[in-house]
Protein backbone atom coordinates (compact mmCIF):
# COMPACT_ATOMS: atom_id res chain seq x y z
CA MET A 1 177.39 40.04 -186.82
CA ALA A 2 173.90 39.18 -185.80
CA GLU A 3 172.04 41.75 -183.76
CA PRO A 4 171.72 40.87 -180.08
CA THR A 5 168.39 39.40 -179.08
CA PRO A 6 166.47 41.83 -176.87
CA PRO A 7 165.90 40.57 -173.32
CA LYS A 8 162.59 38.85 -172.77
CA ALA A 9 160.18 39.95 -170.10
CA PRO A 10 159.36 37.34 -167.45
CA GLN A 11 156.84 35.00 -169.05
CA GLY A 12 154.69 34.71 -165.95
CA ALA A 13 154.26 38.48 -165.75
CA THR A 14 153.40 39.07 -169.40
CA VAL A 15 151.24 36.00 -170.01
CA GLY A 16 149.50 36.32 -166.67
CA ALA A 17 148.71 39.98 -167.20
CA ALA A 18 147.47 39.34 -170.73
CA ARG A 19 145.21 36.51 -169.59
CA ALA A 20 143.83 38.59 -166.73
CA ALA A 21 143.08 41.53 -169.01
CA SER A 22 141.53 39.29 -171.65
CA GLY A 23 139.41 37.47 -169.09
CA GLN A 24 138.15 40.71 -167.58
CA ARG A 25 137.22 42.10 -170.98
CA GLU A 26 135.32 38.96 -171.98
CA ALA A 27 133.44 39.05 -168.69
CA LEU A 28 132.46 42.69 -169.26
CA LEU A 29 131.34 41.95 -172.82
CA LYS A 30 129.23 39.00 -171.68
CA ILE A 31 127.54 41.12 -169.02
CA ALA A 32 126.96 43.97 -171.48
CA ARG A 33 125.19 41.63 -173.92
CA ASP A 34 122.96 39.89 -171.37
CA PRO A 35 119.47 41.45 -171.22
CA ALA A 36 118.92 39.76 -167.86
CA THR A 37 121.68 41.81 -166.22
CA ARG A 38 120.45 44.31 -163.64
CA ALA A 39 120.43 47.95 -164.71
CA GLY A 40 122.83 48.95 -161.94
CA ILE A 41 125.42 46.42 -163.09
CA LEU A 42 125.12 47.60 -166.70
CA ASP A 43 125.70 51.17 -165.51
CA MET A 44 128.88 50.03 -163.75
CA VAL A 45 130.09 48.26 -166.90
CA ALA A 46 129.52 51.44 -168.93
CA ARG A 47 131.82 53.33 -166.55
CA ASP A 48 134.45 50.61 -166.21
CA PRO A 49 137.84 51.84 -167.51
CA GLY A 50 138.37 48.43 -169.12
CA ALA A 51 135.27 48.74 -171.32
CA ASP A 52 136.14 49.33 -174.99
CA GLU A 53 134.08 50.35 -178.02
CA GLU A 54 132.67 46.85 -178.61
CA ILE A 55 131.44 46.71 -175.02
CA HIS A 56 129.94 50.20 -175.32
CA LEU A 57 128.06 49.21 -178.47
CA ALA A 58 126.81 46.03 -176.80
CA LEU A 59 125.42 48.14 -173.96
CA LEU A 60 123.59 50.38 -176.42
CA ARG A 61 121.98 47.32 -178.04
CA ASN A 62 120.95 45.90 -174.66
CA THR A 63 117.36 46.95 -173.90
CA SER A 64 118.06 46.72 -170.16
CA THR A 65 120.78 49.39 -170.22
CA PRO A 66 119.49 52.33 -168.11
CA ALA A 67 119.28 55.92 -169.34
CA GLN A 68 122.08 57.10 -167.04
CA ALA A 69 124.46 54.58 -168.61
CA ARG A 70 123.47 55.73 -172.12
CA GLU A 71 124.03 59.31 -171.05
CA HIS A 72 127.52 58.42 -169.81
CA LEU A 73 128.33 56.65 -173.08
CA ALA A 74 127.05 59.66 -175.00
CA ARG A 75 129.44 61.85 -173.05
CA VAL A 76 132.60 59.71 -173.39
CA GLY A 77 131.98 57.43 -176.39
CA GLY A 78 133.85 57.45 -179.68
CA ALA A 79 132.54 58.02 -183.20
CA ALA A 80 130.87 54.59 -183.54
CA VAL A 81 129.04 54.98 -180.23
CA LEU A 82 127.84 58.46 -181.14
CA GLU A 83 126.59 57.29 -184.54
CA ALA A 84 124.66 54.46 -182.88
CA LEU A 85 123.07 56.90 -180.42
CA ALA A 86 122.20 59.38 -183.17
CA ALA A 87 120.37 56.59 -185.01
CA GLU A 88 118.10 56.04 -181.97
CA GLU A 89 115.63 58.86 -182.54
CA ALA A 90 113.21 57.55 -179.94
CA GLY A 91 115.98 57.35 -177.36
CA LEU A 92 117.03 60.94 -177.95
CA ARG A 93 113.42 62.09 -177.89
CA ASP A 94 112.55 60.30 -174.66
CA HIS A 95 115.81 61.20 -172.88
CA PRO A 96 116.89 64.80 -173.63
CA ALA A 97 119.85 64.41 -171.26
CA VAL A 98 121.33 61.83 -173.65
CA ALA A 99 121.01 64.29 -176.54
CA LEU A 100 122.70 66.94 -174.41
CA ALA A 101 125.56 64.58 -173.61
CA VAL A 102 126.00 63.75 -177.32
CA LEU A 103 126.32 67.43 -178.15
CA GLU A 104 128.83 67.97 -175.36
CA ASN A 105 131.05 65.17 -176.66
CA PRO A 106 133.95 66.70 -178.66
CA ALA A 107 134.02 63.57 -180.85
CA ALA A 108 130.55 64.32 -182.27
CA ASP A 109 130.69 65.37 -185.94
CA GLU A 110 128.19 67.64 -187.72
CA ALA A 111 125.88 64.78 -188.76
CA VAL A 112 125.66 63.43 -185.22
CA ARG A 113 125.05 66.91 -183.79
CA ALA A 114 122.30 67.55 -186.32
CA ALA A 115 120.57 64.30 -185.34
CA ALA A 116 120.83 65.12 -181.63
CA GLN A 117 119.51 68.65 -182.08
CA ALA A 118 116.59 67.72 -184.35
CA LEU A 119 113.18 67.28 -182.74
CA PRO A 120 111.39 64.18 -184.04
CA GLU A 121 108.12 64.95 -185.76
CA GLY A 122 104.93 63.38 -184.45
CA GLY A 123 104.50 61.17 -181.43
CA GLY A 124 106.36 61.24 -178.16
CA GLU A 125 107.02 64.14 -175.87
CA GLU A 126 108.95 66.95 -177.49
CA ILE A 127 111.86 68.65 -175.80
CA ALA A 128 110.69 71.87 -174.20
CA PRO A 129 112.14 75.16 -175.48
CA PRO A 130 114.34 75.58 -172.40
CA ALA A 131 115.98 72.23 -173.19
CA ARG A 132 116.53 73.38 -176.76
CA ALA A 133 118.38 76.36 -175.29
CA ALA A 134 120.37 74.11 -172.97
CA VAL A 135 121.31 71.33 -175.39
CA GLY A 136 124.88 71.60 -176.45
CA ILE A 137 125.40 74.78 -174.43
CA LEU A 138 128.01 74.80 -171.68
CA ASP A 139 127.88 78.55 -171.18
CA ARG A 140 127.10 79.43 -167.59
CA SER A 141 124.74 82.25 -168.56
CA ARG A 142 122.48 79.85 -170.45
CA LEU A 143 122.35 77.44 -167.51
CA LEU A 144 121.39 80.32 -165.24
CA GLU A 145 118.75 81.44 -167.74
CA ILE A 146 117.11 78.01 -167.64
CA ALA A 147 117.30 77.84 -163.83
CA ARG A 148 115.44 81.17 -163.65
CA ASP A 149 112.83 80.33 -166.29
CA PRO A 150 109.52 79.66 -164.45
CA GLY A 151 108.35 77.49 -167.37
CA ALA A 152 111.43 75.25 -167.42
CA ASP A 153 110.72 71.54 -167.47
CA PRO A 154 111.79 69.61 -164.30
CA ALA A 155 113.89 67.25 -166.44
CA ASN A 156 115.83 70.22 -167.80
CA LEU A 157 116.29 71.60 -164.31
CA ASN A 158 117.87 68.27 -163.39
CA VAL A 159 120.33 68.72 -166.26
CA VAL A 160 121.17 72.23 -165.08
CA GLY A 161 121.71 70.94 -161.54
CA ARG A 162 124.12 68.34 -162.82
CA GLU A 163 126.07 70.86 -164.90
CA ALA A 164 126.08 73.64 -162.28
CA GLY A 165 128.71 72.04 -160.06
CA ALA A 166 129.21 74.28 -157.03
CA ASP A 167 127.96 77.46 -158.73
CA ALA A 168 126.12 79.18 -155.87
CA GLU A 169 124.06 81.49 -158.09
CA ILE A 170 122.71 78.67 -160.24
CA LEU A 171 122.01 76.43 -157.24
CA THR A 172 120.20 79.30 -155.53
CA ALA A 173 118.07 79.86 -158.63
CA LEU A 174 117.18 76.17 -158.64
CA LEU A 175 116.22 76.34 -154.97
CA ARG A 176 113.87 79.23 -155.72
CA HIS A 177 112.34 77.57 -158.78
CA PRO A 178 108.81 76.28 -158.10
CA ARG A 179 109.28 73.19 -160.31
CA THR A 180 112.66 71.92 -159.07
CA PRO A 181 112.23 68.17 -158.31
CA ASP A 182 112.58 67.04 -154.71
CA ALA A 183 115.38 64.63 -155.69
CA LEU A 184 117.42 67.57 -157.00
CA LEU A 185 116.74 69.52 -153.81
CA VAL A 186 118.07 66.58 -151.79
CA TYR A 187 121.21 66.56 -153.94
CA ILE A 188 121.74 70.32 -153.49
CA ALA A 189 121.24 69.91 -149.74
CA LEU A 190 123.93 67.22 -149.73
CA VAL A 191 126.58 69.21 -151.59
CA GLY A 192 125.69 72.86 -150.98
CA THR A 193 127.81 75.40 -149.13
CA PRO A 194 126.56 77.11 -145.92
CA PRO A 195 124.96 80.03 -147.87
CA ILE A 196 123.04 77.47 -149.96
CA LEU A 197 121.94 75.65 -146.81
CA ASN A 198 120.73 78.92 -145.33
CA GLU A 199 118.78 79.55 -148.55
CA ILE A 200 117.03 76.22 -148.04
CA LEU A 201 116.28 77.20 -144.44
CA ALA A 202 114.48 80.28 -145.78
CA LYS A 203 111.55 77.98 -146.63
CA PRO A 204 110.97 76.01 -143.42
CA GLU A 205 107.70 74.55 -144.66
CA ARG A 206 109.60 72.72 -147.40
CA LEU A 207 111.81 71.02 -144.82
CA ARG A 208 108.81 70.04 -142.74
CA ASN A 209 107.02 68.61 -145.76
CA HIS A 210 110.14 66.84 -147.08
CA PRO A 211 112.28 65.61 -144.16
CA ALA A 212 114.67 63.92 -146.62
CA ILE A 213 115.92 67.39 -147.61
CA ALA A 214 116.48 68.28 -143.96
CA GLN A 215 118.35 65.07 -143.31
CA ALA A 216 120.51 65.65 -146.38
CA MET A 217 121.46 69.03 -144.90
CA LEU A 218 122.38 67.37 -141.62
CA GLU A 219 124.60 64.93 -143.53
CA ASN A 220 126.34 67.76 -145.39
CA GLY A 221 129.88 68.10 -144.07
CA GLU A 222 129.71 71.88 -144.63
CA ALA A 223 126.98 72.27 -142.01
CA ASP A 224 128.42 73.52 -138.71
CA ASP A 225 126.86 72.98 -135.28
CA ALA A 226 124.98 76.30 -135.35
CA LEU A 227 123.41 75.47 -138.70
CA ARG A 228 122.42 71.99 -137.52
CA VAL A 229 120.68 73.53 -134.52
CA LYS A 230 118.68 75.77 -136.87
CA ILE A 231 117.72 72.81 -139.06
CA ARG A 232 116.49 70.77 -136.11
CA ALA A 233 114.66 73.80 -134.72
CA VAL A 234 112.75 74.19 -137.99
CA LEU A 235 111.73 70.56 -137.88
CA THR A 236 110.53 70.69 -134.29
CA GLU A 237 108.36 73.74 -134.99
CA SER A 238 105.82 71.45 -136.64
CA PRO A 239 103.27 69.78 -134.38
CA GLU A 240 103.25 66.84 -136.77
CA GLU A 241 107.00 66.30 -136.48
CA ALA A 242 106.61 62.98 -134.70
CA ALA A 243 105.00 61.53 -137.82
CA LYS A 244 107.65 63.09 -140.09
CA ARG A 245 110.75 62.33 -138.06
CA PRO A 246 113.75 61.83 -140.37
CA LEU A 247 114.49 58.23 -141.28
CA PRO A 248 117.44 56.38 -139.76
CA LEU A 249 120.56 57.08 -141.80
CA TYR A 250 120.68 53.66 -143.44
CA GLN A 251 117.05 53.98 -144.59
CA PHE A 252 117.67 57.51 -145.79
CA ILE A 253 120.65 56.36 -147.87
CA LYS A 254 118.65 53.47 -149.27
CA GLY A 255 116.18 55.94 -150.77
CA LEU A 256 118.85 58.01 -152.57
CA SER A 257 119.72 57.66 -156.24
CA ALA A 258 123.18 56.47 -157.28
CA GLY A 259 124.25 60.03 -158.07
CA GLN A 260 123.10 61.28 -154.68
CA ARG A 261 124.93 58.44 -152.93
CA LEU A 262 128.08 59.37 -154.87
CA ALA A 263 127.77 62.96 -153.64
CA LEU A 264 127.17 61.81 -150.07
CA ALA A 265 130.19 59.47 -150.24
CA MET A 266 132.38 62.44 -151.18
CA LYS A 267 130.97 65.07 -148.81
CA GLY A 268 129.00 63.23 -146.14
CA SER A 269 129.75 62.35 -142.53
CA LYS A 270 131.85 59.50 -141.18
CA GLU A 271 128.69 57.55 -140.34
CA ALA A 272 127.49 57.90 -143.92
CA ARG A 273 130.87 56.77 -145.29
CA MET A 274 130.89 53.66 -143.13
CA LEU A 275 127.53 52.67 -144.62
CA LEU A 276 128.31 53.66 -148.20
CA ILE A 277 131.59 51.71 -148.24
CA LYS A 278 129.37 48.60 -148.43
CA ASP A 279 127.09 50.04 -151.13
CA PRO A 280 126.16 47.48 -153.83
CA ASN A 281 127.36 50.01 -156.43
CA GLU A 282 131.14 49.64 -156.54
CA MET A 283 131.53 53.22 -157.79
CA VAL A 284 129.84 54.59 -154.66
CA ALA A 285 132.09 52.51 -152.40
CA LEU A 286 135.21 53.68 -154.24
CA GLU A 287 134.07 57.31 -153.92
CA VAL A 288 134.24 56.84 -150.14
CA ILE A 289 137.92 55.91 -150.41
CA TYR A 290 138.64 58.99 -152.53
CA SER A 291 136.72 61.39 -150.27
CA PRO A 292 138.91 64.29 -149.08
CA ARG A 293 137.22 64.01 -145.68
CA ILE A 294 138.18 60.40 -144.96
CA THR A 295 140.77 59.76 -142.25
CA GLU A 296 143.44 57.07 -141.96
CA THR A 297 141.55 55.69 -138.96
CA GLU A 298 138.57 55.08 -141.25
CA ILE A 299 140.84 53.58 -143.93
CA LEU A 300 142.22 51.18 -141.33
CA ALA A 301 138.71 50.13 -140.31
CA ILE A 302 137.77 49.57 -143.97
CA ALA A 303 140.94 47.57 -144.63
CA GLN A 304 139.80 45.17 -141.91
CA MET A 305 136.31 44.69 -143.38
CA ARG A 306 135.52 41.39 -145.07
CA ASP A 307 132.30 42.51 -146.71
CA VAL A 308 133.57 45.29 -149.00
CA HIS A 309 134.24 45.23 -152.74
CA GLU A 310 137.57 43.76 -153.79
CA GLN A 311 138.24 46.96 -155.75
CA VAL A 312 138.00 48.98 -152.53
CA LEU A 313 140.87 46.99 -151.02
CA ARG A 314 142.82 47.33 -154.26
CA ALA A 315 142.34 51.11 -154.16
CA ILE A 316 143.63 51.29 -150.58
CA ALA A 317 146.64 49.14 -151.44
CA SER A 318 147.50 51.30 -154.47
CA ASN A 319 147.68 54.50 -152.40
CA LYS A 320 151.28 55.36 -151.44
CA GLN A 321 150.20 57.09 -148.24
CA HIS A 322 148.23 54.07 -147.07
CA ARG A 323 151.04 51.67 -148.05
CA ALA A 324 153.34 53.63 -145.75
CA ASN A 325 150.96 53.03 -142.83
CA LYS A 326 152.01 49.75 -141.18
CA PRO A 327 148.66 48.99 -139.45
CA ILE A 328 146.79 49.49 -142.75
CA VAL A 329 149.21 47.20 -144.61
CA TRP A 330 148.91 44.58 -141.88
CA ALA A 331 145.11 44.77 -142.02
CA LEU A 332 145.17 44.26 -145.79
CA LEU A 333 147.55 41.31 -145.49
CA ASN A 334 145.28 39.58 -142.97
CA ASN A 335 142.04 40.34 -144.82
CA PRO A 336 140.89 37.20 -146.71
CA LYS A 337 139.12 39.47 -149.23
CA THR A 338 142.37 41.14 -150.34
CA PRO A 339 143.46 39.56 -153.66
CA ALA A 340 146.67 37.54 -153.31
CA GLY A 341 148.30 39.46 -156.15
CA VAL A 342 147.77 42.68 -154.19
CA SER A 343 148.89 41.28 -150.84
CA VAL A 344 152.13 39.80 -152.17
CA GLY A 345 153.09 43.22 -153.51
CA LEU A 346 152.69 44.98 -150.16
CA GLY A 347 156.36 44.57 -149.15
CA LEU A 348 156.62 41.28 -147.27
CA GLY A 349 160.36 41.88 -146.97
CA ASN A 350 159.65 44.78 -144.61
CA LEU A 351 157.90 42.54 -142.09
CA SER A 352 159.56 41.02 -139.05
CA GLU A 353 160.12 37.28 -138.70
CA LYS A 354 157.32 37.14 -136.14
CA GLU A 355 154.90 38.83 -138.54
CA LEU A 356 155.93 36.58 -141.43
CA GLU A 357 155.44 33.52 -139.23
CA ALA A 358 151.95 34.71 -138.33
CA LEU A 359 151.07 35.18 -142.01
CA ALA A 360 152.48 31.80 -142.96
CA LYS A 361 150.25 30.15 -140.35
CA ASN A 362 147.11 32.19 -141.13
CA ARG A 363 144.73 29.78 -142.85
CA ASN A 364 142.19 32.50 -143.56
CA ILE A 365 144.36 34.23 -146.15
CA PRO A 366 145.02 32.96 -149.71
CA SER A 367 147.48 30.05 -149.93
CA ALA A 368 149.61 32.04 -152.38
CA LEU A 369 150.18 34.69 -149.70
CA GLN A 370 151.02 32.01 -147.13
CA ARG A 371 153.66 30.56 -149.47
CA ALA A 372 155.07 34.01 -150.22
CA ALA A 373 155.31 34.71 -146.47
CA ARG A 374 157.17 31.42 -145.90
CA SER A 375 159.59 32.24 -148.72
CA ALA A 376 160.20 35.74 -147.34
CA LEU A 377 160.72 34.26 -143.89
CA GLU A 378 163.32 31.77 -145.16
CA ARG A 379 165.20 34.51 -147.01
CA LYS A 380 165.21 36.73 -143.93
CA ARG A 381 166.49 33.90 -141.75
CA ARG A 382 169.29 33.10 -144.20
CA ARG A 383 170.38 36.76 -144.15
CA THR A 384 170.25 37.06 -140.37
CA GLY A 385 171.45 33.58 -139.51
CA GLY A 386 168.18 32.89 -137.76
CA HIS A 387 168.55 35.80 -135.35
CA GLY A 388 166.35 38.35 -137.12
CA ARG A 389 163.61 40.08 -135.21
């Protein structure tokens, strides 16, 4: 007896999904190979979960790929990516953070580690001894040693700041270091705990000379009202404060790096989130959605926006808690920016006849959603005999 033929999956689902995945991959590969692509876009491609090894290698060959994207690839890439990075001696020499990321990657073999640790001879700027101590070292004591070293290079202090996380002792050492870059101080002010913020307040002249640090502290969600009063008091002590008044929030955010905007999206205020949700960098906008501080009221407002990234709306729709919130679902259904494939899967059968009628007549939404609403309406009327609510 012949074996029974296994049931076939619906052709539309399998073929459609395969085509969508294939099309997305080809688009990413094309962008990764194009030297005219903006650095920010290339950085997004490097972090895209759909990017495979071929795309990663294309990014490494692209001269427009920024250092932060190369650092990310060094941290997460496979053997082929690591070998390609190890072969770029100039790249490792000019960007010690990339060499550090290579050494932190568990996929790096001995040959790759040797290439990343070796200092090129002649030409270029050599990695300072503190960096040599930091490269490949995840031990907290070594990070603290570098943060306390008065001769540490500012680039290496940036690496320590990135690796320190919320370690109060390391962040405090960085705050007290005379060579810590202002950009790192802004980042620490954005993410620091109240004791860290009080440590910053211990040097009021720094806040007066760099109002961006003060404004970052004001945007820090950990800062309570009493601490904010102290921050503003320090600023107003200066007779030149009028000329150094903190920038409006949108201008302040515009001057932050991508990493600082990511931190602000996670820990900043509601006002900051409502600006960052429209950030050109999709990763920053998505970080707003995943912030532990965001409320459902904010999610509802975002679901109604027509000028946000499509992926933001997808992220809202994929969250079970948000899908259980009827106003949020209704906002997504009526948002022309919500992809039809997402909208149709939001449970049209749970809508009333009146709501389905409204969707079917809404010319601003995709035609596929209109048709799906009409079909759901007809099914509901057949079940209720035309008397459904």
